Amino acid sequence: MSRRFTVRFYNEDALKEYRKLDGSVKKLVDVGLRKLEVRADEIGKPLEGPLRGCKELKYRKDGVRVVFRIAGGVIEIVDIIAIGSRADGEVFKTAEKRLTAGNE
């Protein structure tokens, strides 16, 4: 399949979260990121509330979530907003803070 989306990290903090991932978890996330390049509009669970317009990829076994959104335009871009633990909704709180800070 050909690549339809360009995947990028929303900010330096999201990139740091990715770089800190354990090797086996990073491999799983890499597979997810490659899928986003082709099917970002078809995969992921839509989020609600302050994260409306975003989706998540779940890695239940490893307790990790990737929060992303599709940024429209001529070139379809997928922003990786946050990567982190699902415990206590940590990754969702982080994503919300980043998006709120980006709108100010």
Protein backbone atom coordinates (compact mmCIF):
# COMPACT_ATOMS: atom_id res chain seq x y z
CA MET A 1 0.00 0.00 0.00
CA SER A 2 1.19 3.48 -0.70
CA ARG A 3 1.72 6.06 1.98
CA ARG A 4 -1.18 8.52 2.20
CA PHE A 5 -0.27 10.37 5.40
CA THR A 6 2.86 11.96 6.78
CA VAL A 7 3.33 11.10 10.45
CA ARG A 8 5.07 13.69 12.61
CA PHE A 9 5.42 14.42 16.30
CA TYR A 10 3.28 17.27 17.59
CA ASN A 11 6.15 18.75 19.59
CA GLU A 12 9.54 17.90 21.07
CA ASP A 13 7.92 16.41 24.20
CA ALA A 14 5.97 13.85 22.14
CA LEU A 15 9.20 12.90 20.36
CA LYS A 16 10.96 12.49 23.73
CA GLU A 17 8.16 10.16 24.90
CA TYR A 18 8.69 8.05 21.80
CA ARG A 19 12.46 7.93 22.28
CA LYS A 20 12.05 6.82 25.92
CA LEU A 21 9.98 3.76 25.01
CA ASP A 22 11.37 0.35 25.87
CA GLY A 23 12.69 -1.51 22.79
CA SER A 24 9.85 -4.04 22.50
CA VAL A 25 7.16 -1.40 23.05
CA LYS A 26 8.88 0.90 20.55
CA LYS A 27 8.70 -1.88 17.93
CA LEU A 28 4.93 -2.17 18.50
CA VAL A 29 4.48 1.59 18.28
CA ASP A 30 6.58 1.67 15.10
CA VAL A 31 4.17 -0.82 13.50
CA GLY A 32 1.29 1.44 14.54
CA LEU A 33 3.00 4.52 13.10
CA ARG A 34 3.54 2.73 9.78
CA LYS A 35 -0.16 1.82 9.74
CA LEU A 36 -1.01 5.48 10.35
CA GLU A 37 0.94 6.43 7.22
CA VAL A 38 -1.48 4.34 5.16
CA ARG A 39 -4.77 4.18 7.10
CA ALA A 40 -4.88 6.93 9.73
CA ASP A 41 -8.44 7.77 8.75
CA GLU A 42 -9.56 4.15 9.24
CA ILE A 43 -7.88 3.08 12.47
CA GLY A 44 -7.86 4.22 16.08
CA LYS A 45 -10.60 4.85 18.61
CA PRO A 46 -12.13 8.35 18.39
CA LEU A 47 -11.79 10.35 21.60
CA GLU A 48 -14.36 12.68 23.15
CA GLY A 49 -14.49 15.76 25.33
CA PRO A 50 -11.44 18.02 25.21
CA LEU A 51 -9.73 15.52 22.88
CA ARG A 52 -12.56 15.47 20.33
CA GLY A 53 -10.99 15.23 16.88
CA CYS A 54 -8.20 12.99 18.19
CA LYS A 55 -7.93 9.22 18.17
CA GLU A 56 -5.96 6.68 20.16
CA LEU A 57 -4.03 3.55 19.35
CA LYS A 58 -4.11 1.10 22.26
CA TYR A 59 -1.39 -1.27 23.34
CA ARG A 60 -3.30 -2.85 26.22
CA LYS A 61 -0.77 -5.51 27.12
CA ASP A 62 1.93 -2.87 27.52
CA GLY A 63 -0.34 -0.21 29.05
CA VAL A 64 0.59 2.37 26.41
CA ARG A 65 -1.57 4.70 24.34
CA VAL A 66 -0.68 6.84 21.33
CA VAL A 67 -2.92 9.90 20.95
CA PHE A 68 -3.00 11.33 17.43
CA ARG A 69 -5.05 13.50 15.11
CA ILE A 70 -5.26 14.04 11.39
CA ALA A 71 -4.37 17.59 10.40
CA GLY A 72 -6.18 18.46 7.17
CA GLY A 73 -4.79 20.33 4.26
CA VAL A 74 -3.27 19.58 0.90
CA ILE A 75 -0.88 17.09 2.49
CA GLU A 76 -2.56 14.84 5.03
CA ILE A 77 -0.54 14.91 8.24
CA VAL A 78 -0.91 12.80 11.36
CA ASP A 79 0.25 14.55 14.53
CA ILE A 80 1.44 12.26 17.33
CA ILE A 81 0.36 14.33 20.33
CA ALA A 82 1.29 12.08 23.25
CA ILE A 83 2.58 8.60 24.03
CA GLY A 84 2.26 7.27 27.54
CA SER A 85 0.64 5.17 30.18
CA ARG A 86 -3.08 4.59 30.29
CA ALA A 87 -2.90 4.50 34.11
CA ASP A 88 -5.05 7.25 35.62
CA GLY A 89 -5.60 8.68 32.13
CA GLU A 90 -2.07 10.11 32.18
CA VAL A 91 -1.61 10.15 28.40
CA PHE A 92 -4.97 11.86 27.86
CA LYS A 93 -4.17 14.58 30.43
CA THR A 94 -0.82 15.19 28.74
CA ALA A 95 -2.41 15.38 25.29
CA GLU A 96 -5.07 17.80 26.51
CA LYS A 97 -2.42 20.08 28.06
CA ARG A 98 -0.38 20.11 24.86
CA LEU A 99 -3.35 20.89 22.66
CA THR A 100 -4.55 23.61 25.01
CA ALA A 101 -1.06 25.17 25.16
CA GLY A 102 -0.85 25.02 21.35
CA ASN A 103 -4.07 27.04 20.98
CA GLU A 104 -2.98 29.92 23.16
